[in-house]
PDB file of N, CA and C in Angstrom:
ATOM      1  N   UNK A   1     -31.252  21.584  -3.283  1.00  0.00           N
ATOM      2  CA  UNK A   1     -30.442  20.355  -3.878  1.00  0.00           C
ATOM      3  C   UNK A   1     -29.645  19.926  -3.001  1.00  0.00           C
ATOM      4  N   UNK A   2     -29.627  18.730  -3.146  1.00  0.00           N
ATOM      5  CA  UNK A   2     -28.169  17.917  -1.865  1.00  0.00           C
ATOM      6  C   UNK A   2     -27.591  17.627  -3.433  1.00  0.00           C
ATOM      7  N   UNK A   3     -26.083  17.671  -3.400  1.00  0.00           N
ATOM      8  CA  UNK A   3     -24.963  17.149  -4.587  1.00  0.00           C
ATOM      9  C   UNK A   3     -24.809  16.028  -3.983  1.00  0.00           C
ATOM     10  N   UNK A   4     -24.590  15.737  -2.439  1.00  0.00           N
ATOM     11  CA  UNK A   4     -24.117  14.863  -1.990  1.00  0.00           C
ATOM     12  C   UNK A   4     -24.727  13.379  -2.179  1.00  0.00           C
ATOM     13  N   UNK A   5     -26.244  13.282  -2.148  1.00  0.00           N
ATOM     14  CA  UNK A   5     -26.908  11.656  -2.779  1.00  0.00           C
ATOM     15  C   UNK A   5     -28.176  12.752  -3.675  1.00  0.00           C
ATOM     16  N   UNK A   6     -27.968  13.452  -4.390  1.00  0.00           N
ATOM     17  CA  UNK A   6     -28.894  13.722  -5.403  1.00  0.00           C
ATOM     18  C   UNK A   6     -30.605  14.244  -5.061  1.00  0.00           C
ATOM     19  N   UNK A   7     -30.626  14.312  -3.473  1.00  0.00           N
ATOM     20  CA  UNK A   7     -31.824  14.170  -3.186  1.00  0.00           C
ATOM     21  C   UNK A   7     -32.016  15.710  -3.100  1.00  0.00           C
ATOM     22  N   UNK A   8     -33.855  15.945  -2.699  1.00  0.00           N
ATOM     23  CA  UNK A   8     -33.914  17.415  -2.163  1.00  0.00           C
ATOM     24  C   UNK A   8     -34.382  18.006  -0.875  1.00  0.00           C
ATOM     25  N   UNK A   9     -33.979  19.008  -0.511  1.00  0.00           N
ATOM     26  CA  UNK A   9     -34.583  19.351   0.750  1.00  0.00           C
ATOM     27  C   UNK A   9     -33.535  20.105   1.438  1.00  0.00           C
ATOM     28  N   UNK A  10     -32.033  20.067   1.162  1.00  0.00           N
ATOM     29  CA  UNK A  10     -31.407  20.858   1.774  1.00  0.00           C
ATOM     30  C   UNK A  10     -30.514  20.612   1.221  1.00  0.00           C
ATOM     31  N   UNK A  11     -29.091  21.710   1.854  1.00  0.00           N
ATOM     32  CA  UNK A  11     -27.834  22.116   0.782  1.00  0.00           C
ATOM     33  C   UNK A  11     -26.780  21.512   1.169  1.00  0.00           C
ATOM     34  N   UNK A  12     -25.733  20.807   0.380  1.00  0.00           N
ATOM     35  CA  UNK A  12     -25.139  19.870   0.658  1.00  0.00           C
ATOM     36  C   UNK A  12     -23.989  20.456   2.040  1.00  0.00           C
ATOM     37  N   UNK A  13     -23.906  21.223   2.406  1.00  0.00           N
ATOM     38  CA  UNK A  13     -23.124  21.454   3.479  1.00  0.00           C
ATOM     39  C   UNK A  13     -23.842  21.304   4.567  1.00  0.00           C
ATOM     40  N   UNK A  14     -25.060  21.139   4.788  1.00  0.00           N
ATOM     41  CA  UNK A  14     -25.968  21.132   5.796  1.00  0.00           C
ATOM     42  C   UNK A  14     -26.172  19.570   5.799  1.00  0.00           C
ATOM     43  N   UNK A  15     -25.750  18.367   4.665  1.00  0.00           N
ATOM     44  CA  UNK A  15     -26.168  17.252   4.535  1.00  0.00           C
ATOM     45  C   UNK A  15     -25.442  16.414   5.873  1.00  0.00           C
ATOM     46  N   UNK A  16     -26.186  15.220   5.980  1.00  0.00           N
ATOM     47  CA  UNK A  16     -24.765  14.169   7.640  1.00  0.00           C
ATOM     48  C   UNK A  16     -24.864  13.033   6.431  1.00  0.00           C
ATOM     49  N   UNK A  17     -24.856  12.857   5.100  1.00  0.00           N
ATOM     50  CA  UNK A  17     -24.737  11.416   4.196  1.00  0.00           C
ATOM     51  C   UNK A  17     -23.463  12.193   4.036  1.00  0.00           C
ATOM     52  N   UNK A  18     -22.500  10.982   3.738  1.00  0.00           N
ATOM     53  CA  UNK A  18     -21.374  10.793   3.458  1.00  0.00           C
ATOM     54  C   UNK A  18     -21.359  11.385   1.380  1.00  0.00           C
ATOM     55  N   UNK A  19     -20.280  12.186   1.344  1.00  0.00           N
ATOM     56  CA  UNK A  19     -20.283  12.900  -0.235  1.00  0.00           C
ATOM     57  C   UNK A  19     -20.483  11.354  -1.088  1.00  0.00           C
ATOM     58  N   UNK A  20     -20.644  11.397  -2.175  1.00  0.00           N
ATOM     59  CA  UNK A  20     -21.262  10.414  -3.279  1.00  0.00           C
ATOM     60  C   UNK A  20     -19.357  10.411  -3.741  1.00  0.00           C
ATOM     61  N   UNK A  21     -19.213   9.861  -4.803  1.00  0.00           N
ATOM     62  CA  UNK A  21     -17.901   9.026  -5.645  1.00  0.00           C
ATOM     63  C   UNK A  21     -18.071   9.908  -6.732  1.00  0.00           C
ATOM     64  N   UNK A  22     -16.716   9.957  -7.298  1.00  0.00           N
ATOM     65  CA  UNK A  22     -16.798  10.863  -8.452  1.00  0.00           C
ATOM     66  C   UNK A  22     -17.179  10.190  -9.590  1.00  0.00           C
ATOM     67  N   UNK A  23     -18.536   9.416  -9.741  1.00  0.00           N
ATOM     68  CA  UNK A  23     -18.566   9.275 -11.231  1.00  0.00           C
ATOM     69  C   UNK A  23     -18.635  10.038 -12.341  1.00  0.00           C
ATOM     70  N   UNK A  24     -19.098   9.289 -13.375  1.00  0.00           N
ATOM     71  CA  UNK A  24     -19.132  10.725 -14.454  1.00  0.00           C
ATOM     72  C   UNK A  24     -20.261  11.952 -14.223  1.00  0.00           C
ATOM     73  N   UNK A  25     -21.282  11.981 -13.426  1.00  0.00           N
ATOM     74  CA  UNK A  25     -22.314  12.598 -13.509  1.00  0.00           C
ATOM     75  C   UNK A  25     -21.952  13.774 -12.628  1.00  0.00           C
ATOM     76  N   UNK A  26     -20.936  13.430 -11.676  1.00  0.00           N
ATOM     77  CA  UNK A  26     -20.217  14.240 -10.723  1.00  0.00           C
ATOM     78  C   UNK A  26     -19.087  15.176 -11.762  1.00  0.00           C
ATOM     79  N   UNK A  27     -18.512  14.592 -12.346  1.00  0.00           N
ATOM     80  CA  UNK A  27     -17.427  14.828 -13.041  1.00  0.00           C
ATOM     81  C   UNK A  27     -17.917  15.576 -13.941  1.00  0.00           C
ATOM     82  N   UNK A  28     -18.688  15.528 -14.659  1.00  0.00           N
ATOM     83  CA  UNK A  28     -19.657  16.577 -15.504  1.00  0.00           C
ATOM     84  C   UNK A  28     -20.121  17.741 -14.547  1.00  0.00           C
ATOM     85  N   UNK A  29     -21.042  17.498 -13.513  1.00  0.00           N
ATOM     86  CA  UNK A  29     -21.132  18.600 -12.860  1.00  0.00           C
ATOM     87  C   UNK A  29     -20.094  19.664 -12.693  1.00  0.00           C
ATOM     88  N   UNK A  30     -19.059  19.187 -12.823  1.00  0.00           N
ATOM     89  CA  UNK A  30     -17.897  19.480 -12.182  1.00  0.00           C
ATOM     90  C   UNK A  30     -17.283  20.332 -13.019  1.00  0.00           C
ATOM     91  N   UNK A  31     -17.508  19.842 -13.976  1.00  0.00           N
ATOM     92  CA  UNK A  31     -16.766  20.478 -15.480  1.00  0.00           C
ATOM     93  C   UNK A  31     -17.857  21.398 -15.948  1.00  0.00           C
ATOM     94  N   UNK A  32     -19.293  22.004 -15.518  1.00  0.00           N
ATOM     95  CA  UNK A  32     -20.153  22.409 -16.056  1.00  0.00           C
ATOM     96  C   UNK A  32     -20.026  24.279 -15.197  1.00  0.00           C
ATOM     97  N   UNK A  33     -19.402  23.268 -13.810  1.00  0.00           N
ATOM     98  CA  UNK A  33     -19.708  24.547 -12.609  1.00  0.00           C
ATOM     99  C   UNK A  33     -18.274  25.763 -13.528  1.00  0.00           C
ATOM    100  N   UNK A  34     -16.694  24.431 -13.543  1.00  0.00           N
ATOM    101  CA  UNK A  34     -16.037  25.603 -13.807  1.00  0.00           C
ATOM    102  C   UNK A  34     -15.755  26.350 -15.194  1.00  0.00           C
ATOM    103  N   UNK A  35     -16.985  25.741 -15.940  1.00  0.00           N
ATOM    104  CA  UNK A  35     -16.972  26.576 -17.481  1.00  0.00           C
ATOM    105  C   UNK A  35     -17.299  27.870 -16.922  1.00  0.00           C
ATOM    106  N   UNK A  36     -18.602  27.522 -15.967  1.00  0.00           N
ATOM    107  CA  UNK A  36     -19.708  28.598 -15.809  1.00  0.00           C
ATOM    108  C   UNK A  36     -18.483  29.894 -14.619  1.00  0.00           C
ATOM    109  N   UNK A  37     -17.351  29.386 -14.171  1.00  0.00           N
ATOM    110  CA  UNK A  37     -16.704  30.198 -13.885  1.00  0.00           C
ATOM    111  C   UNK A  37     -15.485  31.008 -14.320  1.00  0.00           C
ATOM    112  N   UNK A  38     -15.106  30.238 -15.277  1.00  0.00           N
ATOM    113  CA  UNK A  38     -14.080  30.825 -16.352  1.00  0.00           C
ATOM    114  C   UNK A  38     -15.800  31.784 -17.247  1.00  0.00           C
ATOM    115  N   UNK A  39     -15.927  31.529 -17.476  1.00  0.00           N
ATOM    116  CA  UNK A  39     -17.019  32.578 -18.422  1.00  0.00           C
ATOM    117  C   UNK A  39     -17.696  33.430 -17.532  1.00  0.00           C
ATOM    118  N   UNK A  40     -17.013  33.193 -15.997  1.00  0.00           N
ATOM    119  CA  UNK A  40     -17.967  34.757 -15.109  1.00  0.00           C
ATOM    120  C   UNK A  40     -19.225  34.743 -14.780  1.00  0.00           C
ATOM    121  N   UNK A  41     -19.625  33.538 -14.950  1.00  0.00           N
ATOM    122  CA  UNK A  41     -21.447  33.595 -14.881  1.00  0.00           C
ATOM    123  C   UNK A  41     -21.413  33.206 -13.451  1.00  0.00           C
ATOM    124  N   UNK A  42     -22.358  34.059 -13.231  1.00  0.00           N
ATOM    125  CA  UNK A  42     -22.337  33.684 -11.246  1.00  0.00           C
ATOM    126  C   UNK A  42     -23.234  32.327 -11.260  1.00  0.00           C
ATOM    127  N   UNK A  43     -23.129  31.687 -10.170  1.00  0.00           N
ATOM    128  CA  UNK A  43     -22.990  30.374  -9.642  1.00  0.00           C
ATOM    129  C   UNK A  43     -24.442  30.308  -8.550  1.00  0.00           C
ATOM    130  N   UNK A  44     -25.086  29.511  -8.621  1.00  0.00           N
ATOM    131  CA  UNK A  44     -25.987  29.358  -7.902  1.00  0.00           C
ATOM    132  C   UNK A  44     -25.576  29.258  -6.437  1.00  0.00           C
ATOM    133  N   UNK A  45     -26.476  28.965  -5.519  1.00  0.00           N
ATOM    134  CA  UNK A  45     -26.111  28.642  -3.894  1.00  0.00           C
ATOM    135  C   UNK A  45     -25.389  27.260  -3.983  1.00  0.00           C
ATOM    136  N   UNK A  46     -25.922  26.414  -5.160  1.00  0.00           N
ATOM    137  CA  UNK A  46     -25.644  24.542  -4.548  1.00  0.00           C
ATOM    138  C   UNK A  46     -24.325  24.051  -5.254  1.00  0.00           C
ATOM    139  N   UNK A  47     -24.302  25.347  -6.089  1.00  0.00           N
ATOM    140  CA  UNK A  47     -22.861  25.120  -6.706  1.00  0.00           C
ATOM    141  C   UNK A  47     -21.925  25.339  -6.574  1.00  0.00           C
ATOM    142  N   UNK A  48     -22.369  26.650  -5.505  1.00  0.00           N
ATOM    143  CA  UNK A  48     -21.203  26.691  -4.586  1.00  0.00           C
ATOM    144  C   UNK A  48     -20.536  26.198  -2.721  1.00  0.00           C
ATOM    145  N   UNK A  49     -21.864  24.524  -3.041  1.00  0.00           N
ATOM    146  CA  UNK A  49     -21.884  23.876  -2.149  1.00  0.00           C
ATOM    147  C   UNK A  49     -20.990  22.863  -2.349  1.00  0.00           C
ATOM    148  N   UNK A  50     -21.219  22.856  -3.489  1.00  0.00           N
ATOM    149  CA  UNK A  50     -20.897  21.168  -4.759  1.00  0.00           C
ATOM    150  C   UNK A  50     -19.344  21.814  -4.505  1.00  0.00           C
ATOM    151  N   UNK A  51     -19.067  22.793  -4.753  1.00  0.00           N
ATOM    152  CA  UNK A  51     -17.601  22.921  -5.000  1.00  0.00           C
ATOM    153  C   UNK A  51     -16.573  23.252  -3.505  1.00  0.00           C
ATOM    154  N   UNK A  52     -17.350  23.510  -2.650  1.00  0.00           N
ATOM    155  CA  UNK A  52     -17.186  23.371  -1.119  1.00  0.00           C
ATOM    156  C   UNK A  52     -16.752  21.593  -0.618  1.00  0.00           C
ATOM    157  N   UNK A  53     -18.018  20.940  -0.952  1.00  0.00           N
ATOM    158  CA  UNK A  53     -17.632  19.795  -0.737  1.00  0.00           C
ATOM    159  C   UNK A  53     -16.711  19.288  -1.810  1.00  0.00           C
ATOM    160  N   UNK A  54     -16.489  18.918  -3.020  1.00  0.00           N
ATOM    161  CA  UNK A  54     -15.596  18.865  -3.694  1.00  0.00           C
ATOM    162  C   UNK A  54     -13.792  18.787  -3.022  1.00  0.00           C
ATOM    163  N   UNK A  55     -13.974  20.015  -2.490  1.00  0.00           N
ATOM    164  CA  UNK A  55     -12.187  20.519  -1.877  1.00  0.00           C
ATOM    165  C   UNK A  55     -12.759  19.447  -0.534  1.00  0.00           C
ATOM    166  N   UNK A  56     -13.501  19.534   0.333  1.00  0.00           N
ATOM    167  CA  UNK A  56     -13.640  19.130   1.632  1.00  0.00           C
ATOM    168  C   UNK A  56     -12.899  17.855   0.829  1.00  0.00           C
ATOM    169  N   UNK A  57     -13.523  16.635  -0.262  1.00  0.00           N
ATOM    170  CA  UNK A  57     -13.257  15.906  -0.506  1.00  0.00           C
ATOM    171  C   UNK A  57     -11.534  15.384  -1.021  1.00  0.00           C
ATOM    172  N   UNK A  58     -11.378  16.071  -1.626  1.00  0.00           N
ATOM    173  CA  UNK A  58      -9.949  16.485  -1.923  1.00  0.00           C
ATOM    174  C   UNK A  58      -8.574  16.273  -0.466  1.00  0.00           C
ATOM    175  N   UNK A  59      -9.181  17.863   0.215  1.00  0.00           N
ATOM    176  CA  UNK A  59      -8.273  17.212   1.446  1.00  0.00           C
ATOM    177  C   UNK A  59      -8.881  15.816   1.994  1.00  0.00           C
ATOM    178  N   UNK A  60      -9.515  15.382   2.176  1.00  0.00           N
ATOM    179  CA  UNK A  60      -9.749  14.109   2.891  1.00  0.00           C
ATOM    180  C   UNK A  60      -8.659  12.825   2.504  1.00  0.00           C
ATOM    181  N   UNK A  61      -9.092  13.314   1.004  1.00  0.00           N
ATOM    182  CA  UNK A  61      -8.130  12.162   0.201  1.00  0.00           C
ATOM    183  C   UNK A  61      -6.662  12.656   0.033  1.00  0.00           C
ATOM    184  N   UNK A  62      -6.086  13.969   0.265  1.00  0.00           N
ATOM    185  CA  UNK A  62      -5.222  14.242   0.660  1.00  0.00           C
ATOM    186  C   UNK A  62      -4.233  13.423   2.381  1.00  0.00           C
ATOM    187  N   UNK A  63      -5.245  13.903   2.712  1.00  0.00           N
ATOM    188  CA  UNK A  63      -4.572  13.054   4.304  1.00  0.00           C
ATOM    189  C   UNK A  63      -4.885  11.458   4.431  1.00  0.00           C
ATOM    190  N   UNK A  64      -5.462  11.137   3.681  1.00  0.00           N
ATOM    191  CA  UNK A  64      -5.472   9.450   3.917  1.00  0.00           C
ATOM    192  C   UNK A  64      -4.247   8.954   2.750  1.00  0.00           C
ATOM    193  N   UNK A  65      -4.089   9.536   1.803  1.00  0.00           N
ATOM    194  CA  UNK A  65      -2.669   9.104   0.940  1.00  0.00           C
ATOM    195  C   UNK A  65      -1.621   9.750   1.964  1.00  0.00           C
ATOM    196  N   UNK A  66      -1.811  10.956   2.570  1.00  0.00           N
ATOM    197  CA  UNK A  66      -0.828  11.033   3.616  1.00  0.00           C
ATOM    198  C   UNK A  66       0.019  10.342   4.411  1.00  0.00           C
ATOM    199  N   UNK A  67      -1.648  10.057   4.686  1.00  0.00           N
ATOM    200  CA  UNK A  67      -0.885   8.661   6.354  1.00  0.00           C
ATOM    201  C   UNK A  67      -0.622   7.251   5.644  1.00  0.00           C
ATOM    202  N   UNK A  68      -1.147   7.218   4.566  1.00  0.00           N
ATOM    203  CA  UNK A  68      -0.668   5.721   3.874  1.00  0.00           C
ATOM    204  C   UNK A  68       0.789   5.802   3.172  1.00  0.00           C
ATOM    205  N   UNK A  69       1.064   7.157   3.101  1.00  0.00           N
ATOM    206  CA  UNK A  69       2.847   7.181   2.663  1.00  0.00           C
ATOM    207  C   UNK A  69       3.508   7.557   4.097  1.00  0.00           C
ATOM    208  N   UNK A  70       3.203   8.062   5.105  1.00  0.00           N
ATOM    209  CA  UNK A  70       3.783   8.164   5.799  1.00  0.00           C
ATOM    210  C   UNK A  70       3.886   6.191   6.834  1.00  0.00           C
ATOM    211  N   UNK A  71       2.935   5.922   6.816  1.00  0.00           N
ATOM    212  CA  UNK A  71       2.948   4.201   7.090  1.00  0.00           C
ATOM    213  C   UNK A  71       3.671   3.328   6.569  1.00  0.00           C
ATOM    214  N   UNK A  72       4.026   3.237   5.363  1.00  0.00           N
ATOM    215  CA  UNK A  72       4.603   3.093   4.321  1.00  0.00           C
ATOM    216  C   UNK A  72       6.070   3.430   4.192  1.00  0.00           C
ATOM    217  N   UNK A  73       6.264   4.553   4.716  1.00  0.00           N
ATOM    218  CA  UNK A  73       8.118   5.243   5.325  1.00  0.00           C
ATOM    219  C   UNK A  73       8.425   4.443   6.010  1.00  0.00           C
ATOM    220  N   UNK A  74       7.499   4.631   7.515  1.00  0.00           N
ATOM    221  CA  UNK A  74       8.117   3.600   8.543  1.00  0.00           C
ATOM    222  C   UNK A  74       8.395   2.657   8.436  1.00  0.00           C
ATOM    223  N   UNK A  75       7.338   1.664   7.786  1.00  0.00           N
ATOM    224  CA  UNK A  75       7.543  -0.085   7.519  1.00  0.00           C
ATOM    225  C   UNK A  75       9.031  -0.406   6.775  1.00  0.00           C
ATOM    226  N   UNK A  76       9.261   0.687   5.649  1.00  0.00           N
ATOM    227  CA  UNK A  76      10.502   0.084   4.772  1.00  0.00           C
ATOM    228  C   UNK A  76      11.977   0.886   5.605  1.00  0.00           C
ATOM    229  N   UNK A  77      11.487   1.986   6.292  1.00  0.00           N
ATOM    230  CA  UNK A  77      12.932   2.382   7.089  1.00  0.00           C
ATOM    231  C   UNK A  77      12.847   1.076   8.407  1.00  0.00           C
ATOM    232  N   UNK A  78      11.940   0.730   8.602  1.00  0.00           N
ATOM    233  CA  UNK A  78      12.084  -0.054   9.830  1.00  0.00           C
ATOM    234  C   UNK A  78      12.892  -1.743   9.444  1.00  0.00           C
ATOM    235  N   UNK A  79      12.749  -1.654   8.087  1.00  0.00           N
ATOM    236  CA  UNK A  79      13.045  -3.090   7.301  1.00  0.00           C
ATOM    237  C   UNK A  79      14.678  -2.588   6.875  1.00  0.00           C
ATOM    238  N   UNK A  80      14.622  -1.666   6.638  1.00  0.00           N
ATOM    239  CA  UNK A  80      16.499  -0.762   6.082  1.00  0.00           C
ATOM    240  C   UNK A  80      17.053  -1.286   7.489  1.00  0.00           C
ATOM    241  N   UNK A  81      16.596  -0.992   8.641  1.00  0.00           N
ATOM    242  CA  UNK A  81      17.411  -0.847   9.720  1.00  0.00           C
ATOM    243  C   UNK A  81      17.385  -2.363  10.022  1.00  0.00           C
ATOM    244  N   UNK A  82      16.716  -3.239  10.087  1.00  0.00           N
ATOM    245  CA  UNK A  82      16.731  -4.997  10.367  1.00  0.00           C
ATOM    246  C   UNK A  82      18.006  -5.093   9.119  1.00  0.00           C
ATOM    247  N   UNK A  83      17.666  -4.743   8.206  1.00  0.00           N
ATOM    248  CA  UNK A  83      18.670  -5.514   6.894  1.00  0.00           C
ATOM    249  C   UNK A  83      20.295  -4.759   7.542  1.00  0.00           C
ATOM    250  N   UNK A  84      20.378  -3.690   8.039  1.00  0.00           N
ATOM    251  CA  UNK A  84      21.860  -3.046   8.203  1.00  0.00           C
ATOM    252  C   UNK A  84      22.436  -3.669   9.296  1.00  0.00           C
ATOM    253  N   UNK A  85      21.345  -3.987  10.194  1.00  0.00           N
ATOM    254  CA  UNK A  85      22.168  -4.620  11.014  1.00  0.00           C
ATOM    255  C   UNK A  85      22.168  -5.965  11.631  1.00  0.00           C
ATOM    256  N   UNK A  86      21.498  -6.823  10.289  1.00  0.00           N
ATOM    257  CA  UNK A  86      22.215  -8.341   9.514  1.00  0.00           C
ATOM    258  C   UNK A  86      23.534  -8.695   9.601  1.00  0.00           C
ATOM    259  N   UNK A  87      24.002  -7.693   9.029  1.00  0.00           N
ATOM    260  CA  UNK A  87      25.880  -8.403   9.026  1.00  0.00           C
ATOM    261  C   UNK A  87      26.670  -8.324  10.111  1.00  0.00           C
ATOM    262  N   UNK A  88      26.669  -7.191  10.599  1.00  0.00           N
ATOM    263  CA  UNK A  88      27.123  -7.390  12.087  1.00  0.00           C
ATOM    264  C   UNK A  88      26.244  -8.412  13.123  1.00  0.00           C
ATOM    265  N   UNK A  89      25.508  -8.557  13.074  1.00  0.00           N
ATOM    266  CA  UNK A  89      25.310  -9.942  13.958  1.00  0.00           C
ATOM    267  C   UNK A  89      25.595 -11.308  13.379  1.00  0.00           C
ATOM    268  N   UNK A  90      25.866 -11.095  11.824  1.00  0.00           N
ATOM    269  CA  UNK A  90      26.353 -12.800  11.854  1.00  0.00           C
ATOM    270  C   UNK A  90      27.963 -12.559  11.789  1.00  0.00           C
ATOM    271  N   UNK A  91      28.541 -11.435  11.453  1.00  0.00           N
ATOM    272  CA  UNK A  91      29.668 -11.345  12.150  1.00  0.00           C
ATOM    273  C   UNK A  91      30.231 -11.621  13.307  1.00  0.00           C
ATOM    274  N   UNK A  92      29.407 -11.490  14.178  1.00  0.00           N
ATOM    275  CA  UNK A  92      29.412 -11.331  15.743  1.00  0.00           C
ATOM    276  C   UNK A  92      29.091 -12.906  15.964  1.00  0.00           C
ATOM    277  N   UNK A  93      28.553 -13.854  15.546  1.00  0.00           N
ATOM    278  CA  UNK A  93      27.393 -15.116  15.472  1.00  0.00           C
ATOM    279  C   UNK A  93      26.075 -14.708  16.335  1.00  0.00           C
ATOM    280  N   UNK A  94      25.768 -13.305  16.276  1.00  0.00           N
ATOM    281  CA  UNK A  94      24.411 -14.294  17.558  1.00  0.00           C
ATOM    282  C   UNK A  94      23.261 -13.803  16.855  1.00  0.00           C
ATOM    283  N   UNK A  95      23.553 -14.869  16.003  1.00  0.00           N
ATOM    284  CA  UNK A  95      21.679 -15.481  15.236  1.00  0.00           C
ATOM    285  C   UNK A  95      21.541 -16.583  15.975  1.00  0.00           C
TER     286      UNK A  95
END
């Protein structure tokens, strides 16, 4: 069973569909898997696939967050440069 789109026929690692969003059912499944791991119960192959897909999604979200942060920092630094140059331009009447 594919956990990406809840279909039967292949495993999540072979799925070409986008991973699904983290809804309540997804979080419940993750909780059950974590409880099984903690109790040292042998996981099924599909559960290992779900763990791998979740970690891939976490990495993608982390990269996206880092890109947004970098863009915001670049925008903020260019704004600061403009504001620090403004007083010297006013003094020399370059405006």
